[in-house]
Amino acid sequence: MKSTKIAFQNERGMDLAGRVEVPDTGEPRGWVLFAHCFTCTKNLSAVRRIARELVDEGLGVLSFDFTGLGDSDGEFSESSFATQTADLLSAVEYLKTTCGTGPAIMVGHSLGGTATLYAARQVEGLAGVATIGSPSNPAHVTRLFDCDLEEIEKTGEARVSIGGRPFSIRKEFVDDLKAYPPTQWLGELHTRLLIFHSPVDQVVDISNAREIYGAVRHPKSFVSLDQADHLLSRPADARHVARVLSAWADSFLLQADTTPDDGSAPLQPSPGYQVAARMGTTPYKVEMSNGRHGVLADEPKDVHGGDLGGNPFDYLLWSLAACTVMTVRMYADRKQWPLAEISAQLSYRKVKAEELGFDAEQAKDSRGQGTEIKIELTFTGELDADQTARLVEMAHRCPVHRTLIGPIRIRINQDGAAEEHSGTG
């Protein structure tokens, strides 16, 4: 992982301190903008752990300190929910200017999550937003200094203690928090949302998650963090958040990867072809598309890839697995047999061609090597022995299976020149 300290200016000309973290293996498959919790900084242990896990999953992460916090310029007493929102939009512009693309995902913790929800409505091209222990209403944070509100109202400012640290809170700050009733803006979010919240959060009650979930439109998801505290103090909780985030993001990030950064048309197969593949200078990231869905192929890190997707043989096995279980399901449904579920485990290994029953002439094109694919099928349901045997027989008849073992010719065209190779399974 490569970590770089950076600084960028907010709309008021103040320098905000940030940190950019990227995978060692090349360009990230997407950017994450992370907003920390109220009065915290980018150095909060949970922020660092989540960022590290996301980078390990091939994502780039920008985290920064809001105005008046951490290493950023300004006074916290002069900040507000409005300035935090503006700081987030300044971070978006920094990513666009410096990295050539805005964030694919915005993540916010506590009040940082609420500000992220508000700012995300103004971010074009955003694929998803995630919140962690976030209040549904910015005014919720005034509960942290309830006993000082009377003094703030009377004198215009008070020195309060939050998390054991002193902060100056002005009346303007409190008034600003109250100026954003969630019923007026939460429904304006037009992107995917993932909500993390702990049912035992003692700082922001889980009812806030319910209010956010009820106010926003689909697609939306909720993940309970079980026994996690508000700051995700246990390393396992932060790692869990990061891994679920990465898995949630996979489908739409891979789809977005079929669109070049220069804004040209997404990767599309030419007429007469079913799929297309494209690889740039990042080893060994391959974008693939059937015109409707995009996926990535890559090699593992131990062979200098980025491990951003399955390797070519993984996709071969996935194709065979999908076709096998689909074929069995279609047959069982047609027969109205009680097949509740079918699962398949696949592996392949290289063996000598003679072990597979091929003679030297048949194996000459493969230098005497052959491939053995093993499929382990499991059926769930009230099936008798004859039905089970018949379903196994049908598994051998799936179209991909027949393609692999049948006569095949591969024709490669390049600038008008063609080369052909033929063989039998």
Foldseek 3Di string as FASTA:
>chain_A
DDKDWDWFAFPVGWIWIKMKDAAPQDAALFEEEEEEAPQAFCPQPLNVLLQVLLRLLRYMYMYIGFDCHDPIHHNPQPDALVSLLRVSVRVQVVCCVPVVHGGQEYEYAACRLVSCLQNQLVDPNHAEYEYALYALALLLCCVQVVVCVVVQVVVQWDWDAGPNDTGIYGPVRNVRSNPCDNLVPLQSRDHEYEYEYECPAPRRHCVRVVVSVVRYDDPYYYDYLYPAYRSSPDSVSSSVVSVVVSVVCQFVSQQVVQADSVRDDGDEDDPPDQKDWDADDRAPWIWMDRHPGIHIAHDDVVVSISPNHHHPVVVLVVVLQVLLQVQLVVVCVVVVAFFPDKHKDKDKDKDFVVVVVDDCVQCVVVVRIDMDMDIDMDTDGDDDPVSVVVSVVRSCVGPSNCQQQAWDKDWDDDPRDIDIDIHGD
